[in-house]
Amino acid sequence: MKAALAESNHSLAEANADFEINLSVNAQRLNAEAFHLVPATKNINITGGDGRGVIYGALSLAEDLRSGL
């Protein structure tokens, strides 16, 4: 994720960031390996049905950043 952000002129900060990416698991709402990516004004929420879903969502975001979306 950090490399994808850097490639598209974004940075990763641990505190006092201008933008926030939230990762969570919700097995009741999503199937295993599924993910839901929701962009908002100052944050992006990635929810996975399990840990793999969260990883797939993060990789999808990285790909979107590399593509300029």
N, C-alpha and C. Protein backbone atom coordinates (compact mmCIF):
# COMPACT_ATOMS: atom_id res chain seq x y z
N MET A 1 0.83 -1.17 0.00
CA MET A 1 0.00 0.00 0.00
C MET A 1 0.88 1.24 0.00
N LYS A 2 1.92 1.23 0.85
CA LYS A 2 2.80 2.39 0.94
C LYS A 2 3.46 2.69 -0.40
N ALA A 3 3.91 1.66 -1.11
CA ALA A 3 4.55 1.84 -2.41
C ALA A 3 3.57 2.40 -3.43
N ALA A 4 2.35 1.89 -3.43
CA ALA A 4 1.33 2.38 -4.37
C ALA A 4 1.01 3.84 -4.10
N LEU A 5 0.93 4.20 -2.83
CA LEU A 5 0.67 5.60 -2.48
C LEU A 5 1.82 6.49 -2.94
N ALA A 6 3.05 6.04 -2.70
CA ALA A 6 4.21 6.83 -3.09
C ALA A 6 4.29 7.02 -4.60
N GLU A 7 3.97 5.97 -5.36
CA GLU A 7 4.01 6.05 -6.82
C GLU A 7 3.03 7.08 -7.37
N SER A 8 1.96 7.34 -6.65
CA SER A 8 0.96 8.30 -7.12
C SER A 8 1.04 9.62 -6.33
N ASN A 9 2.23 9.90 -5.80
CA ASN A 9 2.52 11.15 -5.09
C ASN A 9 1.67 11.35 -3.83
N HIS A 10 1.35 10.26 -3.14
CA HIS A 10 0.66 10.32 -1.86
C HIS A 10 1.63 9.81 -0.80
N SER A 11 1.36 10.12 0.44
CA SER A 11 2.23 9.64 1.50
C SER A 11 1.42 8.91 2.56
N LEU A 12 2.12 8.14 3.37
CA LEU A 12 1.50 7.37 4.45
C LEU A 12 1.98 7.96 5.76
N ALA A 13 1.04 8.37 6.61
CA ALA A 13 1.39 8.94 7.91
C ALA A 13 0.69 8.14 9.00
N GLU A 14 1.36 7.99 10.12
CA GLU A 14 0.78 7.25 11.22
C GLU A 14 -0.06 8.13 12.13
N ALA A 15 0.13 9.42 12.07
CA ALA A 15 -0.64 10.35 12.91
C ALA A 15 -0.78 11.68 12.18
N ASN A 16 -1.83 12.41 12.49
CA ASN A 16 -2.07 13.73 11.91
C ASN A 16 -2.09 13.70 10.38
N ALA A 17 -2.72 12.70 9.81
CA ALA A 17 -2.78 12.58 8.36
C ALA A 17 -3.93 13.41 7.80
N ASP A 18 -3.79 13.83 6.55
CA ASP A 18 -4.85 14.56 5.86
C ASP A 18 -5.95 13.62 5.38
N PHE A 19 -5.62 12.34 5.28
CA PHE A 19 -6.53 11.36 4.73
C PHE A 19 -6.39 10.09 5.54
N GLU A 20 -7.45 9.30 5.65
CA GLU A 20 -7.42 8.10 6.48
C GLU A 20 -7.98 6.90 5.71
N ILE A 21 -7.31 5.76 5.85
CA ILE A 21 -7.79 4.50 5.28
C ILE A 21 -8.10 3.58 6.45
N ASN A 22 -9.36 3.16 6.53
CA ASN A 22 -9.81 2.29 7.62
C ASN A 22 -10.01 0.88 7.10
N LEU A 23 -9.46 -0.10 7.81
CA LEU A 23 -9.58 -1.51 7.45
C LEU A 23 -10.37 -2.23 8.54
N SER A 24 -11.34 -3.06 8.13
CA SER A 24 -12.11 -3.81 9.12
C SER A 24 -12.63 -5.11 8.51
N VAL A 25 -13.06 -6.02 9.39
CA VAL A 25 -13.65 -7.30 8.98
C VAL A 25 -15.09 -7.34 9.47
N ASN A 26 -16.00 -7.77 8.58
CA ASN A 26 -17.40 -7.95 8.97
C ASN A 26 -17.91 -9.23 8.32
N ALA A 27 -17.72 -10.36 9.02
CA ALA A 27 -18.08 -11.67 8.49
C ALA A 27 -19.59 -11.86 8.40
N GLN A 28 -20.36 -11.08 9.15
CA GLN A 28 -21.82 -11.20 9.09
C GLN A 28 -22.37 -10.56 7.81
N ARG A 29 -21.71 -9.56 7.31
CA ARG A 29 -22.20 -8.82 6.15
C ARG A 29 -21.63 -9.31 4.83
N LEU A 30 -20.40 -9.80 4.85
CA LEU A 30 -19.70 -10.19 3.63
C LEU A 30 -19.24 -11.64 3.70
N ASN A 31 -19.20 -12.29 2.55
CA ASN A 31 -18.68 -13.66 2.46
C ASN A 31 -17.16 -13.64 2.58
N ALA A 32 -16.59 -14.80 2.84
CA ALA A 32 -15.13 -14.94 2.88
C ALA A 32 -14.54 -14.47 1.57
N GLU A 33 -13.44 -13.74 1.66
CA GLU A 33 -12.67 -13.20 0.54
C GLU A 33 -13.36 -12.03 -0.17
N ALA A 34 -14.57 -11.69 0.20
CA ALA A 34 -15.26 -10.54 -0.40
C ALA A 34 -14.80 -9.26 0.30
N PHE A 35 -14.94 -8.13 -0.40
CA PHE A 35 -14.61 -6.85 0.22
C PHE A 35 -15.55 -5.77 -0.29
N HIS A 36 -15.63 -4.71 0.48
CA HIS A 36 -16.43 -3.54 0.13
C HIS A 36 -15.54 -2.33 0.35
N LEU A 37 -15.32 -1.53 -0.69
CA LEU A 37 -14.46 -0.37 -0.63
C LEU A 37 -15.33 0.87 -0.80
N VAL A 38 -15.33 1.75 0.21
CA VAL A 38 -16.18 2.93 0.18
C VAL A 38 -15.34 4.19 0.36
N PRO A 39 -15.18 4.98 -0.72
CA PRO A 39 -14.46 6.25 -0.59
C PRO A 39 -15.39 7.33 -0.02
N ALA A 40 -14.86 8.17 0.83
CA ALA A 40 -15.59 9.31 1.38
C ALA A 40 -14.69 10.54 1.25
N THR A 41 -15.12 11.64 1.79
CA THR A 41 -14.39 12.90 1.63
C THR A 41 -12.95 12.83 2.11
N LYS A 42 -12.74 12.43 3.34
CA LYS A 42 -11.40 12.41 3.91
C LYS A 42 -10.94 11.01 4.33
N ASN A 43 -11.68 9.98 3.92
CA ASN A 43 -11.26 8.63 4.28
C ASN A 43 -11.78 7.61 3.27
N ILE A 44 -11.18 6.43 3.33
CA ILE A 44 -11.62 5.29 2.54
C ILE A 44 -11.80 4.14 3.51
N ASN A 45 -12.96 3.51 3.47
CA ASN A 45 -13.23 2.36 4.32
C ASN A 45 -13.16 1.09 3.49
N ILE A 46 -12.34 0.16 3.93
CA ILE A 46 -12.22 -1.15 3.28
C ILE A 46 -12.68 -2.19 4.31
N THR A 47 -13.75 -2.88 3.98
CA THR A 47 -14.28 -3.92 4.85
C THR A 47 -14.20 -5.24 4.12
N GLY A 48 -13.67 -6.26 4.79
CA GLY A 48 -13.58 -7.59 4.20
C GLY A 48 -14.44 -8.58 4.96
N GLY A 49 -14.86 -9.62 4.27
CA GLY A 49 -15.59 -10.69 4.92
C GLY A 49 -14.70 -11.52 5.83
N ASP A 50 -13.40 -11.47 5.56
CA ASP A 50 -12.37 -12.09 6.39
C ASP A 50 -11.06 -11.35 6.10
N GLY A 51 -9.96 -11.82 6.67
CA GLY A 51 -8.67 -11.15 6.46
C GLY A 51 -8.27 -11.09 5.01
N ARG A 52 -8.55 -12.16 4.26
CA ARG A 52 -8.21 -12.16 2.84
C ARG A 52 -9.01 -11.10 2.10
N GLY A 53 -10.26 -10.93 2.47
CA GLY A 53 -11.08 -9.89 1.85
C GLY A 53 -10.51 -8.50 2.07
N VAL A 54 -10.02 -8.25 3.28
CA VAL A 54 -9.39 -6.96 3.58
C VAL A 54 -8.15 -6.77 2.70
N ILE A 55 -7.35 -7.82 2.58
CA ILE A 55 -6.14 -7.74 1.74
C ILE A 55 -6.53 -7.48 0.28
N TYR A 56 -7.53 -8.20 -0.23
CA TYR A 56 -7.97 -7.98 -1.61
C TYR A 56 -8.49 -6.56 -1.80
N GLY A 57 -9.19 -6.02 -0.82
CA GLY A 57 -9.66 -4.64 -0.90
C GLY A 57 -8.52 -3.65 -0.92
N ALA A 58 -7.51 -3.89 -0.07
CA ALA A 58 -6.34 -3.01 -0.04
C ALA A 58 -5.57 -3.08 -1.37
N LEU A 59 -5.45 -4.28 -1.93
CA LEU A 59 -4.78 -4.42 -3.22
C LEU A 59 -5.58 -3.74 -4.34
N SER A 60 -6.89 -3.80 -4.26
CA SER A 60 -7.73 -3.11 -5.24
C SER A 60 -7.53 -1.60 -5.15
N LEU A 61 -7.46 -1.08 -3.93
CA LEU A 61 -7.20 0.34 -3.74
C LEU A 61 -5.83 0.71 -4.30
N ALA A 62 -4.82 -0.11 -4.03
CA ALA A 62 -3.48 0.15 -4.55
C ALA A 62 -3.48 0.21 -6.06
N GLU A 63 -4.20 -0.72 -6.70
CA GLU A 63 -4.30 -0.74 -8.16
C GLU A 63 -5.01 0.52 -8.67
N ASP A 64 -6.07 0.93 -7.98
CA ASP A 64 -6.78 2.14 -8.38
C ASP A 64 -5.88 3.37 -8.28
N LEU A 65 -5.08 3.45 -7.21
CA LEU A 65 -4.16 4.57 -7.04
C LEU A 65 -3.12 4.59 -8.16
N ARG A 66 -2.60 3.43 -8.50
CA ARG A 66 -1.61 3.34 -9.59
C ARG A 66 -2.22 3.76 -10.93
N SER A 67 -3.52 3.49 -11.11
CA SER A 67 -4.21 3.80 -12.36
C SER A 67 -4.72 5.25 -12.39
N GLY A 68 -4.57 5.95 -11.27
CA GLY A 68 -5.01 7.33 -11.22
C GLY A 68 -6.50 7.52 -10.99
N LEU A 69 -7.17 6.50 -10.48
CA LEU A 69 -8.61 6.61 -10.22
C LEU A 69 -8.89 7.30 -8.92
